[in-house]
C-alpha atoms as a PDB file:
ATOM      1  CA  MET A   1      19.256  27.511 -14.933  1.00  0.00           C
ATOM      2  CA  SER A   2      15.494  27.049 -15.103  1.00  0.00           C
ATOM      3  CA  SER A   3      13.667  25.118 -12.411  1.00  0.00           C
ATOM      4  CA  ASN A   4      13.046  22.376 -14.998  1.00  0.00           C
ATOM      5  CA  ASN A   5      16.790  21.625 -15.084  1.00  0.00           C
ATOM      6  CA  LYS A   6      17.130  21.549 -11.320  1.00  0.00           C
ATOM      7  CA  ARG A   7      16.805  18.396  -9.271  1.00  0.00           C
ATOM      8  CA  LYS A   8      14.017  17.567  -6.855  1.00  0.00           C
ATOM      9  CA  ALA A   9      14.660  16.610  -3.265  1.00  0.00           C
ATOM     10  CA  LEU A  10      12.920  14.978  -0.353  1.00  0.00           C
ATOM     11  CA  PHE A  11      13.811  16.604   2.964  1.00  0.00           C
ATOM     12  CA  LEU A  12      13.249  14.457   6.036  1.00  0.00           C
ATOM     13  CA  ASP A  13      13.277  15.396   9.671  1.00  0.00           C
ATOM     14  CA  ARG A  14      15.007  12.789  11.858  1.00  0.00           C
ATOM     15  CA  ASP A  15      13.514  12.488  15.354  1.00  0.00           C
ATOM     16  CA  GLY A  16       9.817  11.680  15.109  1.00  0.00           C
ATOM     17  CA  THR A  17       9.988  11.139  11.344  1.00  0.00           C
ATOM     18  CA  ILE A  18      12.763   8.664  10.536  1.00  0.00           C
ATOM     19  CA  ASN A  19      12.909   7.307  14.061  1.00  0.00           C
ATOM     20  CA  ILE A  20      10.541   7.225  16.998  1.00  0.00           C
ATOM     21  CA  ASP A  21      11.186  10.365  19.037  1.00  0.00           C
ATOM     22  CA  GLN A  22      12.436   9.477  22.505  1.00  0.00           C
ATOM     23  CA  ASN A  23      13.989  12.847  23.385  1.00  0.00           C
ATOM     24  CA  TYR A  24      17.672  13.534  22.808  1.00  0.00           C
ATOM     25  CA  ILE A  25      18.624  10.253  21.215  1.00  0.00           C
ATOM     26  CA  CYS A  26      22.388   9.893  20.951  1.00  0.00           C
ATOM     27  CA  ARG A  27      23.004   6.152  21.280  1.00  0.00           C
ATOM     28  CA  VAL A  28      22.463   3.388  18.729  1.00  0.00           C
ATOM     29  CA  GLU A  29      20.652   1.234  21.271  1.00  0.00           C
ATOM     30  CA  ASP A  30      18.006   3.971  21.748  1.00  0.00           C
ATOM     31  CA  PHE A  31      17.387   4.523  18.018  1.00  0.00           C
ATOM     32  CA  GLU A  32      14.233   2.844  16.696  1.00  0.00           C
ATOM     33  CA  PHE A  33      13.219   3.348  13.059  1.00  0.00           C
ATOM     34  CA  GLN A  34       9.606   4.283  12.379  1.00  0.00           C
ATOM     35  CA  PRO A  35       7.628   1.307  11.081  1.00  0.00           C
ATOM     36  CA  GLY A  36       7.236   1.758   7.313  1.00  0.00           C
ATOM     37  CA  ILE A  37       9.920   4.431   6.958  1.00  0.00           C
ATOM     38  CA  PHE A  38      12.159   2.393   4.631  1.00  0.00           C
ATOM     39  CA  ASP A  39       9.250   1.718   2.253  1.00  0.00           C
ATOM     40  CA  LEU A  40       8.216   5.368   2.294  1.00  0.00           C
ATOM     41  CA  ILE A  41      11.717   6.661   1.558  1.00  0.00           C
ATOM     42  CA  SER A  42      12.311   4.007  -1.125  1.00  0.00           C
ATOM     43  CA  HIS A  43       9.099   5.151  -2.827  1.00  0.00           C
ATOM     44  CA  TYR A  44      10.487   8.675  -3.266  1.00  0.00           C
ATOM     45  CA  LEU A  45      13.985   7.477  -4.120  1.00  0.00           C
ATOM     46  CA  ASN A  46      12.469   5.425  -6.964  1.00  0.00           C
ATOM     47  CA  GLN A  47      10.775   8.604  -8.239  1.00  0.00           C
ATOM     48  CA  GLY A  48      14.148  10.310  -8.598  1.00  0.00           C
ATOM     49  CA  TYR A  49      14.242  12.424  -5.447  1.00  0.00           C
ATOM     50  CA  LEU A  50      17.580  13.193  -3.822  1.00  0.00           C
ATOM     51  CA  LEU A  51      17.298  12.459  -0.103  1.00  0.00           C
ATOM     52  CA  PHE A  52      18.308  14.884   2.640  1.00  0.00           C
ATOM     53  CA  ILE A  53      17.925  14.716   6.397  1.00  0.00           C
ATOM     54  CA  ILE A  54      17.513  18.025   8.233  1.00  0.00           C
ATOM     55  CA  THR A  55      17.512  17.772  12.001  1.00  0.00           C
ATOM     56  CA  ASN A  56      17.593  20.069  15.009  1.00  0.00           C
ATOM     57  CA  GLN A  57      20.004  18.611  17.549  1.00  0.00           C
ATOM     58  CA  SER A  58      19.804  20.969  20.519  1.00  0.00           C
ATOM     59  CA  GLY A  59      21.042  18.146  22.761  1.00  0.00           C
ATOM     60  CA  ILE A  60      24.521  19.168  21.609  1.00  0.00           C
ATOM     61  CA  ALA A  61      24.046  22.778  22.769  1.00  0.00           C
ATOM     62  CA  ARG A  62      22.461  21.533  26.000  1.00  0.00           C
ATOM     63  CA  GLY A  63      25.458  19.288  26.721  1.00  0.00           C
ATOM     64  CA  PHE A  64      23.403  16.061  26.674  1.00  0.00           C
ATOM     65  CA  TYR A  65      25.734  14.579  24.046  1.00  0.00           C
ATOM     66  CA  THR A  66      28.674  15.653  21.933  1.00  0.00           C
ATOM     67  CA  GLU A  67      29.070  16.356  18.239  1.00  0.00           C
ATOM     68  CA  GLU A  68      31.086  13.125  18.104  1.00  0.00           C
ATOM     69  CA  ASP A  69      28.191  11.166  19.685  1.00  0.00           C
ATOM     70  CA  TYR A  70      25.823  12.669  17.120  1.00  0.00           C
ATOM     71  CA  GLN A  71      28.134  11.793  14.196  1.00  0.00           C
ATOM     72  CA  LYS A  72      28.576   8.228  15.404  1.00  0.00           C
ATOM     73  CA  LEU A  73      24.796   7.692  15.532  1.00  0.00           C
ATOM     74  CA  THR A  74      24.340   9.409  12.156  1.00  0.00           C
ATOM     75  CA  ASN A  75      26.944   7.146  10.523  1.00  0.00           C
ATOM     76  CA  TRP A  76      25.221   4.081  12.001  1.00  0.00           C
ATOM     77  CA  MET A  77      21.832   5.301  10.680  1.00  0.00           C
ATOM     78  CA  LEU A  78      23.244   5.959   7.193  1.00  0.00           C
ATOM     79  CA  THR A  79      24.691   2.435   7.131  1.00  0.00           C
ATOM     80  CA  ARG A  80      21.243   0.998   7.961  1.00  0.00           C
ATOM     81  CA  PHE A  81      19.794   2.981   5.029  1.00  0.00           C
ATOM     82  CA  LYS A  82      22.521   1.725   2.665  1.00  0.00           C
ATOM     83  CA  GLU A  83      21.754  -1.846   3.714  1.00  0.00           C
ATOM     84  CA  LYS A  84      18.189  -1.214   2.487  1.00  0.00           C
ATOM     85  CA  GLY A  85      19.439   0.241  -0.815  1.00  0.00           C
ATOM     86  CA  ILE A  86      18.750   3.833   0.243  1.00  0.00           C
ATOM     87  CA  GLU A  87      21.459   6.429  -0.340  1.00  0.00           C
ATOM     88  CA  ILE A  88      20.994   9.605   1.687  1.00  0.00           C
ATOM     89  CA  THR A  89      22.588  12.476  -0.248  1.00  0.00           C
ATOM     90  CA  LYS A  90      23.514  14.506   2.837  1.00  0.00           C
ATOM     91  CA  VAL A  91      22.558  15.059   6.462  1.00  0.00           C
ATOM     92  CA  TYR A  92      22.333  18.596   7.827  1.00  0.00           C
ATOM     93  CA  HIS A  93      21.999  19.288  11.523  1.00  0.00           C
ATOM     94  CA  CYS A  94      21.598  22.312  13.730  1.00  0.00           C
ATOM     95  CA  PRO A  95      23.550  21.874  16.996  1.00  0.00           C
ATOM     96  CA  HIS A  96      22.231  25.161  18.404  1.00  0.00           C
ATOM     97  CA  HIS A  97      19.565  26.237  20.854  1.00  0.00           C
ATOM     98  CA  PRO A  98      18.764  29.925  21.380  1.00  0.00           C
ATOM     99  CA  ASP A  99      18.906  29.613  25.192  1.00  0.00           C
ATOM    100  CA  PHE A 100      22.412  28.137  25.107  1.00  0.00           C
ATOM    101  CA  THR A 101      24.144  29.279  21.916  1.00  0.00           C
ATOM    102  CA  GLY A 102      22.110  32.264  20.775  1.00  0.00           C
ATOM    103  CA  ASP A 103      20.102  32.684  17.606  1.00  0.00           C
ATOM    104  CA  CYS A 104      21.056  30.983  14.350  1.00  0.00           C
ATOM    105  CA  GLU A 105      19.671  30.623  10.840  1.00  0.00           C
ATOM    106  CA  CYS A 106      19.680  26.824  10.745  1.00  0.00           C
ATOM    107  CA  ARG A 107      17.339  25.883  13.601  1.00  0.00           C
ATOM    108  CA  LYS A 108      13.935  24.920  12.254  1.00  0.00           C
ATOM    109  CA  PRO A 109      11.487  26.593  11.665  1.00  0.00           C
ATOM    110  CA  LYS A 110      14.144  28.781  10.028  1.00  0.00           C
ATOM    111  CA  PRO A 111      15.021  27.425   6.577  1.00  0.00           C
ATOM    112  CA  GLY A 112      18.827  27.586   6.778  1.00  0.00           C
ATOM    113  CA  MET A 113      19.577  23.871   6.399  1.00  0.00           C
ATOM    114  CA  ILE A 114      17.157  23.530   3.484  1.00  0.00           C
ATOM    115  CA  LEU A 115      18.465  26.656   1.751  1.00  0.00           C
ATOM    116  CA  GLN A 116      22.014  25.364   2.113  1.00  0.00           C
ATOM    117  CA  ALA A 117      21.050  22.080   0.414  1.00  0.00           C
ATOM    118  CA  ILE A 118      19.199  23.934  -2.356  1.00  0.00           C
ATOM    119  CA  GLU A 119      22.317  25.990  -3.046  1.00  0.00           C
ATOM    120  CA  GLU A 120      24.831  23.141  -2.753  1.00  0.00           C
ATOM    121  CA  TYR A 121      22.897  20.668  -4.909  1.00  0.00           C
ATOM    122  CA  ASN A 122      21.109  22.957  -7.391  1.00  0.00           C
ATOM    123  CA  LEU A 123      17.660  21.870  -6.217  1.00  0.00           C
ATOM    124  CA  SER A 124      14.239  23.064  -7.292  1.00  0.00           C
ATOM    125  CA  PRO A 125      12.372  24.025  -4.102  1.00  0.00           C
ATOM    126  CA  VAL A 126       8.979  24.084  -5.798  1.00  0.00           C
ATOM    127  CA  ASN A 127       9.446  20.514  -7.103  1.00  0.00           C
ATOM    128  CA  SER A 128      10.757  19.259  -3.764  1.00  0.00           C
ATOM    129  CA  MET A 129       9.039  17.857  -0.690  1.00  0.00           C
ATOM    130  CA  LEU A 130       9.529  17.893   3.044  1.00  0.00           C
ATOM    131  CA  ILE A 131       8.273  15.333   5.553  1.00  0.00           C
ATOM    132  CA  GLY A 132       8.326  16.084   9.263  1.00  0.00           C
ATOM    133  CA  ASP A 133       6.434  15.406  12.450  1.00  0.00           C
ATOM    134  CA  LYS A 134       6.213  18.880  13.978  1.00  0.00           C
ATOM    135  CA  LYS A 135       4.884  22.258  12.928  1.00  0.00           C
ATOM    136  CA  ARG A 136       8.431  23.689  12.952  1.00  0.00           C
ATOM    137  CA  ASP A 137       9.428  21.161  10.269  1.00  0.00           C
ATOM    138  CA  ILE A 138       6.516  22.149   8.047  1.00  0.00           C
ATOM    139  CA  LEU A 139       7.229  25.849   8.601  1.00  0.00           C
ATOM    140  CA  ALA A 140      10.893  25.373   7.674  1.00  0.00           C
ATOM    141  CA  GLY A 141       9.781  23.819   4.390  1.00  0.00           C
ATOM    142  CA  LYS A 142       7.327  26.622   3.705  1.00  0.00           C
ATOM    143  CA  ASN A 143       9.933  29.240   4.659  1.00  0.00           C
ATOM    144  CA  ALA A 144      12.325  27.701   2.106  1.00  0.00           C
ATOM    145  CA  GLY A 145       9.697  27.632  -0.657  1.00  0.00           C
ATOM    146  CA  ILE A 146       9.365  23.831  -0.697  1.00  0.00           C
ATOM    147  CA  GLY A 147       6.439  22.808  -2.911  1.00  0.00           C
ATOM    148  CA  LYS A 148       4.894  20.136  -0.703  1.00  0.00           C
ATOM    149  CA  ASN A 149       5.207  19.840   3.082  1.00  0.00           C
ATOM    150  CA  LEU A 150       3.674  16.809   4.766  1.00  0.00           C
ATOM    151  CA  TYR A 151       3.329  15.316   8.225  1.00  0.00           C
ATOM    152  CA  ILE A 152       4.795  11.823   8.603  1.00  0.00           C
ATOM    153  CA  GLN A 153       1.837  10.825  10.774  1.00  0.00           C
ATOM    154  CA  ASP A 154      -0.520  11.260   7.807  1.00  0.00           C
ATOM    155  CA  LEU A 155       1.724   9.370   5.397  1.00  0.00           C
ATOM    156  CA  LEU A 156       2.428   6.366   7.605  1.00  0.00           C
ATOM    157  CA  LEU A 157      -1.139   6.177   8.893  1.00  0.00           C
ATOM    158  CA  ASN A 158      -2.626   6.132   5.409  1.00  0.00           C
ATOM    159  CA  ARG A 159       0.317   4.416   3.681  1.00  0.00           C
ATOM    160  CA  GLN A 160      -0.262   7.039   1.009  1.00  0.00           C
ATOM    161  CA  PHE A 161       3.028   7.968  -0.554  1.00  0.00           C
ATOM    162  CA  SER A 162       2.005  10.814  -2.841  1.00  0.00           C
ATOM    163  CA  LYS A 163       4.063  12.295  -5.612  1.00  0.00           C
END
């Protein structure tokens, strides 16, 4: 299938991009959405992008919270998106940390989560975008061949939601 027939995706980091990063967030009461994030994501949704969240969650490997805690918060977050008319296609997370669980292929800046989504959803990397807040997010996008990799700080600061 040519890249013209494949779908485009927007990959979003979670902590620091979707929500304000407060280190190892695992409870609903600690989760605070970034100002402007719903407008930004809606902009890309309206342009036909499938939406994916890719997030490192080393707090699981570190024992700060459980997989169940993570899933509960993720389900709550997805419900908040649905209430705003935003359907997230899928959330991928890496529960590993090299110091606790050894090396893996999914922890950003490695592209494992993105490559999995590309495979599962027949996505065109070159026509897709990634938005993150850290260099490791941007590198994961570049390592997966994503066409455009942007820092959330630039987008929210300028309110410039580029194609």
